[in-house]
């Protein structure tokens, strides 16, 4: 059946992309993510000229984030204590690998659709959205870790909300977001998976993809 071939193609691509990610892509993706994270942290108020994100020989990351001195129970603002202090934080490489998973999944899902000249559009859009989301996830993870380490949030409701947001950021978004992104940027793929019309799904699974549904290609 066409749908089975479509699902088989998608499954093989997803499995292959995950193997490629684990064996080859993790290193380059982490390196690129570290460069962008370093630039983002340097844009924060109070950031110094020193590197804000660097990798240790063992692969772990060291971050330097500016924090207001008043949050660290420093002396009064009129003293000679600087307004901001750099807080250094070391995060294991294993805690950051999961944030690089989104891009390979998005690529596999989009490439599982029938090949066409317009396929580059959802591929570029999906890559851009997944990359931006990954950067925001890592920045939130860093700021959350610093907040927990320094006990910056002590209010019960605020602390619960922050913990819940961290759970979603670390355990839900890395797995759910790639599928939502791929379906969002590729109308044809979205129709093939979510359409209630079996004919639409079957037509899309066999016909060359143009970003339109099978019903549209058949003149409906």
C-alpha atoms as a PDB file:
ATOM      1  CA  UNK A   1       0.000   0.000   0.000  1.00  0.00           C
ATOM      2  CA  UNK A   2       1.212   3.562  -0.700  1.00  0.00           C
ATOM      3  CA  UNK A   3       0.775   4.594   2.911  1.00  0.00           C
ATOM      4  CA  UNK A   4       2.888   1.686   4.093  1.00  0.00           C
ATOM      5  CA  UNK A   5       5.655   2.642   1.683  1.00  0.00           C
ATOM      6  CA  UNK A   6       5.442   6.223   2.928  1.00  0.00           C
ATOM      7  CA  UNK A   7       5.658   5.122   6.568  1.00  0.00           C
ATOM      8  CA  UNK A   8       8.482   2.703   5.779  1.00  0.00           C
ATOM      9  CA  UNK A   9      10.453   5.441   3.998  1.00  0.00           C
ATOM     10  CA  UNK A  10       9.939   7.804   6.918  1.00  0.00           C
ATOM     11  CA  UNK A  11      10.949   5.163   9.471  1.00  0.00           C
ATOM     12  CA  UNK A  12      14.119   4.247   7.583  1.00  0.00           C
ATOM     13  CA  UNK A  13      15.094   7.906   7.171  1.00  0.00           C
ATOM     14  CA  UNK A  14      14.442   8.652  10.828  1.00  0.00           C
ATOM     15  CA  UNK A  15      16.478   5.663  12.002  1.00  0.00           C
ATOM     16  CA  UNK A  16      19.300   6.496   9.608  1.00  0.00           C
ATOM     17  CA  UNK A  17      19.348  10.149  10.618  1.00  0.00           C
ATOM     18  CA  UNK A  18      19.494   9.217  14.308  1.00  0.00           C
ATOM     19  CA  UNK A  19      22.489   6.937  13.651  1.00  0.00           C
ATOM     20  CA  UNK A  20      24.154   9.711  11.659  1.00  0.00           C
ATOM     21  CA  UNK A  21      23.408  12.153  14.481  1.00  0.00           C
ATOM     22  CA  UNK A  22      24.939   9.896  17.118  1.00  0.00           C
ATOM     23  CA  UNK A  23      28.052   8.973  15.157  1.00  0.00           C
ATOM     24  CA  UNK A  24      28.869  12.200  13.303  1.00  0.00           C
ATOM     25  CA  UNK A  25      26.561  15.169  13.867  1.00  0.00           C
ATOM     26  CA  UNK A  26      26.679  15.587  17.655  1.00  0.00           C
ATOM     27  CA  UNK A  27      30.163  17.127  17.652  1.00  0.00           C
ATOM     28  CA  UNK A  28      29.566  19.740  14.913  1.00  0.00           C
ATOM     29  CA  UNK A  29      26.105  20.605  16.233  1.00  0.00           C
ATOM     30  CA  UNK A  30      27.448  21.125  19.760  1.00  0.00           C
ATOM     31  CA  UNK A  31      30.326  23.241  18.440  1.00  0.00           C
ATOM     32  CA  UNK A  32      27.970  25.473  16.482  1.00  0.00           C
ATOM     33  CA  UNK A  33      25.582  25.697  19.413  1.00  0.00           C
ATOM     34  CA  UNK A  34      28.413  26.719  21.730  1.00  0.00           C
ATOM     35  CA  UNK A  35      29.476  29.550  19.398  1.00  0.00           C
ATOM     36  CA  UNK A  36      25.939  30.924  19.200  1.00  0.00           C
ATOM     37  CA  UNK A  37      25.445  30.516  22.954  1.00  0.00           C
ATOM     38  CA  UNK A  38      28.677  32.375  23.639  1.00  0.00           C
ATOM     39  CA  UNK A  39      27.532  35.262  21.434  1.00  0.00           C
ATOM     40  CA  UNK A  40      24.105  35.338  23.110  1.00  0.00           C
ATOM     41  CA  UNK A  41      25.528  35.384  26.641  1.00  0.00           C
ATOM     42  CA  UNK A  42      27.937  38.180  25.704  1.00  0.00           C
ATOM     43  CA  UNK A  43      24.934  40.308  24.785  1.00  0.00           C
ATOM     44  CA  UNK A  44      23.547  40.145  28.332  1.00  0.00           C
ATOM     45  CA  UNK A  45      23.871  43.277  30.519  1.00  0.00           C
ATOM     46  CA  UNK A  46      27.095  43.224  32.506  1.00  0.00           C
ATOM     47  CA  UNK A  47      28.829  40.689  30.292  1.00  0.00           C
ATOM     48  CA  UNK A  48      32.598  41.025  30.072  1.00  0.00           C
ATOM     49  CA  UNK A  49      34.872  40.529  27.099  1.00  0.00           C
ATOM     50  CA  UNK A  50      35.959  37.073  28.222  1.00  0.00           C
ATOM     51  CA  UNK A  51      34.420  33.998  26.524  1.00  0.00           C
ATOM     52  CA  UNK A  52      30.983  33.284  27.957  1.00  0.00           C
ATOM     53  CA  UNK A  53      30.896  29.664  26.783  1.00  0.00           C
ATOM     54  CA  UNK A  54      33.899  27.427  26.273  1.00  0.00           C
ATOM     55  CA  UNK A  55      34.514  23.707  26.031  1.00  0.00           C
ATOM     56  CA  UNK A  56      36.828  21.787  28.339  1.00  0.00           C
ATOM     57  CA  UNK A  57      39.116  19.011  27.052  1.00  0.00           C
ATOM     58  CA  UNK A  58      36.646  16.390  28.316  1.00  0.00           C
ATOM     59  CA  UNK A  59      33.818  17.986  26.299  1.00  0.00           C
ATOM     60  CA  UNK A  60      31.990  19.630  29.200  1.00  0.00           C
ATOM     61  CA  UNK A  61      30.976  23.272  28.840  1.00  0.00           C
ATOM     62  CA  UNK A  62      31.881  26.154  31.129  1.00  0.00           C
ATOM     63  CA  UNK A  63      29.592  29.180  31.110  1.00  0.00           C
ATOM     64  CA  UNK A  64      30.198  32.619  32.544  1.00  0.00           C
ATOM     65  CA  UNK A  65      26.985  34.542  33.100  1.00  0.00           C
ATOM     66  CA  UNK A  66      26.677  38.073  34.541  1.00  0.00           C
ATOM     67  CA  UNK A  67      24.528  38.255  37.676  1.00  0.00           C
ATOM     68  CA  UNK A  68      23.594  41.362  39.625  1.00  0.00           C
ATOM     69  CA  UNK A  69      25.694  41.724  42.768  1.00  0.00           C
ATOM     70  CA  UNK A  70      22.572  42.540  44.771  1.00  0.00           C
ATOM     71  CA  UNK A  71      21.266  39.035  44.036  1.00  0.00           C
ATOM     72  CA  UNK A  72      24.387  37.558  45.635  1.00  0.00           C
ATOM     73  CA  UNK A  73      23.847  39.290  48.997  1.00  0.00           C
ATOM     74  CA  UNK A  74      26.667  41.714  48.285  1.00  0.00           C
ATOM     75  CA  UNK A  75      27.205  44.991  50.166  1.00  0.00           C
ATOM     76  CA  UNK A  76      25.097  48.055  49.439  1.00  0.00           C
ATOM     77  CA  UNK A  77      25.129  49.433  45.880  1.00  0.00           C
ATOM     78  CA  UNK A  78      27.048  52.543  46.941  1.00  0.00           C
ATOM     79  CA  UNK A  79      30.094  50.473  47.868  1.00  0.00           C
ATOM     80  CA  UNK A  80      32.873  49.567  45.477  1.00  0.00           C
ATOM     81  CA  UNK A  81      31.293  46.260  44.583  1.00  0.00           C
ATOM     82  CA  UNK A  82      30.594  46.126  40.829  1.00  0.00           C
ATOM     83  CA  UNK A  83      26.988  46.131  39.705  1.00  0.00           C
ATOM     84  CA  UNK A  84      27.416  42.741  38.009  1.00  0.00           C
ATOM     85  CA  UNK A  85      29.492  39.706  38.820  1.00  0.00           C
ATOM     86  CA  UNK A  86      30.383  36.855  36.548  1.00  0.00           C
ATOM     87  CA  UNK A  87      29.103  33.503  37.784  1.00  0.00           C
ATOM     88  CA  UNK A  88      30.892  30.496  36.306  1.00  0.00           C
ATOM     89  CA  UNK A  89      29.014  27.274  35.777  1.00  0.00           C
ATOM     90  CA  UNK A  90      30.187  23.911  34.440  1.00  0.00           C
ATOM     91  CA  UNK A  91      27.640  21.707  32.676  1.00  0.00           C
ATOM     92  CA  UNK A  92      28.379  18.128  31.554  1.00  0.00           C
ATOM     93  CA  UNK A  93      28.380  17.456  27.836  1.00  0.00           C
ATOM     94  CA  UNK A  94      25.822  14.707  28.374  1.00  0.00           C
ATOM     95  CA  UNK A  95      23.288  17.278  29.606  1.00  0.00           C
ATOM     96  CA  UNK A  96      23.591  19.253  26.351  1.00  0.00           C
ATOM     97  CA  UNK A  97      23.523  16.486  23.746  1.00  0.00           C
ATOM     98  CA  UNK A  98      19.739  16.133  23.837  1.00  0.00           C
ATOM     99  CA  UNK A  99      19.295  19.726  22.669  1.00  0.00           C
ATOM    100  CA  UNK A 100      20.921  18.828  19.330  1.00  0.00           C
ATOM    101  CA  UNK A 101      18.382  16.086  18.573  1.00  0.00           C
ATOM    102  CA  UNK A 102      15.719  18.338  17.067  1.00  0.00           C
ATOM    103  CA  UNK A 103      17.443  19.195  13.800  1.00  0.00           C
ATOM    104  CA  UNK A 104      18.077  15.595  12.609  1.00  0.00           C
ATOM    105  CA  UNK A 105      14.475  14.632  13.367  1.00  0.00           C
ATOM    106  CA  UNK A 106      13.124  17.635  11.450  1.00  0.00           C
ATOM    107  CA  UNK A 107      15.373  16.782   8.493  1.00  0.00           C
ATOM    108  CA  UNK A 108      14.281  13.139   8.490  1.00  0.00           C
ATOM    109  CA  UNK A 109      10.580  13.965   8.640  1.00  0.00           C
ATOM    110  CA  UNK A 110      10.720  16.523   5.844  1.00  0.00           C
ATOM    111  CA  UNK A 111      12.938  14.364   3.631  1.00  0.00           C
ATOM    112  CA  UNK A 112      10.522  11.452   4.057  1.00  0.00           C
ATOM    113  CA  UNK A 113       8.024  13.353   1.923  1.00  0.00           C
ATOM    114  CA  UNK A 114       8.062  12.864  -1.867  1.00  0.00           C
ATOM    115  CA  UNK A 115      11.000  14.697  -3.433  1.00  0.00           C
ATOM    116  CA  UNK A 116      10.182  17.861  -5.352  1.00  0.00           C
ATOM    117  CA  UNK A 117      11.803  21.123  -6.411  1.00  0.00           C
ATOM    118  CA  UNK A 118       9.970  22.925  -3.618  1.00  0.00           C
ATOM    119  CA  UNK A 119      11.219  20.644  -0.863  1.00  0.00           C
ATOM    120  CA  UNK A 120      14.041  23.071  -0.026  1.00  0.00           C
ATOM    121  CA  UNK A 121      11.538  25.626   1.280  1.00  0.00           C
ATOM    122  CA  UNK A 122      10.175  23.587   4.213  1.00  0.00           C
ATOM    123  CA  UNK A 123      13.670  22.181   4.755  1.00  0.00           C
ATOM    124  CA  UNK A 124      15.179  25.662   5.189  1.00  0.00           C
ATOM    125  CA  UNK A 125      12.237  26.899   7.259  1.00  0.00           C
ATOM    126  CA  UNK A 126      12.306  23.834   9.503  1.00  0.00           C
ATOM    127  CA  UNK A 127      16.063  24.132  10.005  1.00  0.00           C
ATOM    128  CA  UNK A 128      15.792  27.814  10.935  1.00  0.00           C
ATOM    129  CA  UNK A 129      12.933  27.295  13.397  1.00  0.00           C
ATOM    130  CA  UNK A 130      14.519  24.234  15.012  1.00  0.00           C
ATOM    131  CA  UNK A 131      17.870  26.027  15.353  1.00  0.00           C
ATOM    132  CA  UNK A 132      16.289  29.085  16.989  1.00  0.00           C
ATOM    133  CA  UNK A 133      14.312  26.877  19.371  1.00  0.00           C
ATOM    134  CA  UNK A 134      17.446  24.926  20.307  1.00  0.00           C
ATOM    135  CA  UNK A 135      19.310  28.127  21.180  1.00  0.00           C
ATOM    136  CA  UNK A 136      16.431  29.308  23.374  1.00  0.00           C
ATOM    137  CA  UNK A 137      16.301  25.919  25.095  1.00  0.00           C
ATOM    138  CA  UNK A 138      20.007  25.999  25.943  1.00  0.00           C
ATOM    139  CA  UNK A 139      19.851  29.590  27.226  1.00  0.00           C
ATOM    140  CA  UNK A 140      16.881  28.747  29.412  1.00  0.00           C
ATOM    141  CA  UNK A 141      18.674  25.648  30.700  1.00  0.00           C
ATOM    142  CA  UNK A 142      21.734  27.719  31.638  1.00  0.00           C
ATOM    143  CA  UNK A 143      19.729  30.458  33.358  1.00  0.00           C
ATOM    144  CA  UNK A 144      17.578  27.889  35.169  1.00  0.00           C
ATOM    145  CA  UNK A 145      20.653  26.032  36.433  1.00  0.00           C
ATOM    146  CA  UNK A 146      22.182  29.271  37.725  1.00  0.00           C
ATOM    147  CA  UNK A 147      18.904  30.233  39.376  1.00  0.00           C
ATOM    148  CA  UNK A 148      18.707  26.885  41.183  1.00  0.00           C
ATOM    149  CA  UNK A 149      22.378  26.952  42.161  1.00  0.00           C
ATOM    150  CA  UNK A 150      22.182  30.458  43.638  1.00  0.00           C
ATOM    151  CA  UNK A 151      18.629  30.026  45.020  1.00  0.00           C
ATOM    152  CA  UNK A 152      17.486  33.155  43.198  1.00  0.00           C
ATOM    153  CA  UNK A 153      13.830  32.076  43.153  1.00  0.00           C
ATOM    154  CA  UNK A 154      12.446  31.195  46.581  1.00  0.00           C
ATOM    155  CA  UNK A 155       8.734  31.951  46.170  1.00  0.00           C
ATOM    156  CA  UNK A 156       6.757  28.699  46.213  1.00  0.00           C
ATOM    157  CA  UNK A 157       4.542  29.365  43.190  1.00  0.00           C
ATOM    158  CA  UNK A 158       7.333  30.929  41.135  1.00  0.00           C
ATOM    159  CA  UNK A 159       9.709  28.091  42.009  1.00  0.00           C
ATOM    160  CA  UNK A 160       7.101  25.489  41.008  1.00  0.00           C
ATOM    161  CA  UNK A 161       6.424  27.238  37.719  1.00  0.00           C
ATOM    162  CA  UNK A 162      10.162  27.472  36.999  1.00  0.00           C
ATOM    163  CA  UNK A 163      10.654  23.770  37.749  1.00  0.00           C
ATOM    164  CA  UNK A 164       7.703  22.891  35.515  1.00  0.00           C
ATOM    165  CA  UNK A 165       9.063  25.048  32.678  1.00  0.00           C
ATOM    166  CA  UNK A 166      12.462  23.363  33.053  1.00  0.00           C
ATOM    167  CA  UNK A 167      10.821  19.929  32.863  1.00  0.00           C
ATOM    168  CA  UNK A 168       9.034  20.858  29.642  1.00  0.00           C
ATOM    169  CA  UNK A 169      12.206  22.420  28.235  1.00  0.00           C
ATOM    170  CA  UNK A 170      14.391  19.398  28.995  1.00  0.00           C
ATOM    171  CA  UNK A 171      12.018  16.444  28.586  1.00  0.00           C
ATOM    172  CA  UNK A 172       9.115  17.412  26.313  1.00  0.00           C
ATOM    173  CA  UNK A 173      10.245  19.963  23.739  1.00  0.00           C
ATOM    174  CA  UNK A 174      13.273  17.985  22.457  1.00  0.00           C
ATOM    175  CA  UNK A 175      10.970  15.124  21.433  1.00  0.00           C
ATOM    176  CA  UNK A 176       7.688  16.851  20.531  1.00  0.00           C
ATOM    177  CA  UNK A 177       8.888  20.060  18.865  1.00  0.00           C
ATOM    178  CA  UNK A 178      10.587  18.451  15.815  1.00  0.00           C
ATOM    179  CA  UNK A 179       7.331  16.762  14.774  1.00  0.00           C
ATOM    180  CA  UNK A 180       5.339  19.971  15.292  1.00  0.00           C
ATOM    181  CA  UNK A 181       7.898  21.973  13.294  1.00  0.00           C
ATOM    182  CA  UNK A 182       7.997  19.518  10.386  1.00  0.00           C
ATOM    183  CA  UNK A 183       4.208  19.376  10.167  1.00  0.00           C
ATOM    184  CA  UNK A 184       3.959  23.143  10.492  1.00  0.00           C
ATOM    185  CA  UNK A 185       6.350  24.041   7.666  1.00  0.00           C
ATOM    186  CA  UNK A 186       5.316  21.299   5.218  1.00  0.00           C
ATOM    187  CA  UNK A 187       1.587  21.467   4.316  1.00  0.00           C
ATOM    188  CA  UNK A 188       1.760  18.308   2.230  1.00  0.00           C
ATOM    189  CA  UNK A 189       3.321  16.286   5.023  1.00  0.00           C
ATOM    190  CA  UNK A 190       0.738  17.667   7.432  1.00  0.00           C
ATOM    191  CA  UNK A 191      -2.100  16.603   5.120  1.00  0.00           C
ATOM    192  CA  UNK A 192      -0.608  13.163   4.613  1.00  0.00           C
ATOM    193  CA  UNK A 193      -0.464  12.480   8.351  1.00  0.00           C
ATOM    194  CA  UNK A 194      -3.414  14.393   9.758  1.00  0.00           C
ATOM    195  CA  UNK A 195      -5.951  14.308   6.933  1.00  0.00           C
ATOM    196  CA  UNK A 196      -9.133  12.344   7.629  1.00  0.00           C
ATOM    197  CA  UNK A 197      -9.466  11.523   3.922  1.00  0.00           C
ATOM    198  CA  UNK A 198      -7.704   8.225   3.083  1.00  0.00           C
ATOM    199  CA  UNK A 199      -7.482   9.280  -0.560  1.00  0.00           C
ATOM    200  CA  UNK A 200      -5.510  12.376   0.343  1.00  0.00           C
ATOM    201  CA  UNK A 201      -3.010  10.376   2.356  1.00  0.00           C
ATOM    202  CA  UNK A 202      -2.635   7.728  -0.360  1.00  0.00           C
ATOM    203  CA  UNK A 203      -2.206  10.264  -3.149  1.00  0.00           C
ATOM    204  CA  UNK A 204       0.411  12.194  -1.215  1.00  0.00           C
ATOM    205  CA  UNK A 205       2.351   9.049  -0.389  1.00  0.00           C
ATOM    206  CA  UNK A 206       2.756   8.153  -4.062  1.00  0.00           C
ATOM    207  CA  UNK A 207       2.772  11.431  -6.005  1.00  0.00           C
ATOM    208  CA  UNK A 208       5.761  13.819  -6.243  1.00  0.00           C
ATOM    209  CA  UNK A 209       5.459  16.379  -3.449  1.00  0.00           C
ATOM    210  CA  UNK A 210       4.704  19.976  -4.292  1.00  0.00           C
ATOM    211  CA  UNK A 211       3.681  21.169  -0.852  1.00  0.00           C
ATOM    212  CA  UNK A 212       0.004  20.606  -1.813  1.00  0.00           C
ATOM    213  CA  UNK A 213      -2.389  17.878  -0.775  1.00  0.00           C
ATOM    214  CA  UNK A 214      -3.221  14.931  -2.976  1.00  0.00           C
ATOM    215  CA  UNK A 215      -6.784  16.180  -3.358  1.00  0.00           C
ATOM    216  CA  UNK A 216      -5.491  19.438  -4.786  1.00  0.00           C
ATOM    217  CA  UNK A 217      -3.289  17.672  -7.291  1.00  0.00           C
ATOM    218  CA  UNK A 218      -6.249  15.635  -8.450  1.00  0.00           C
ATOM    219  CA  UNK A 219      -8.216  18.777  -9.131  1.00  0.00           C
ATOM    220  CA  UNK A 220     -10.451  18.619  -6.021  1.00  0.00           C
END
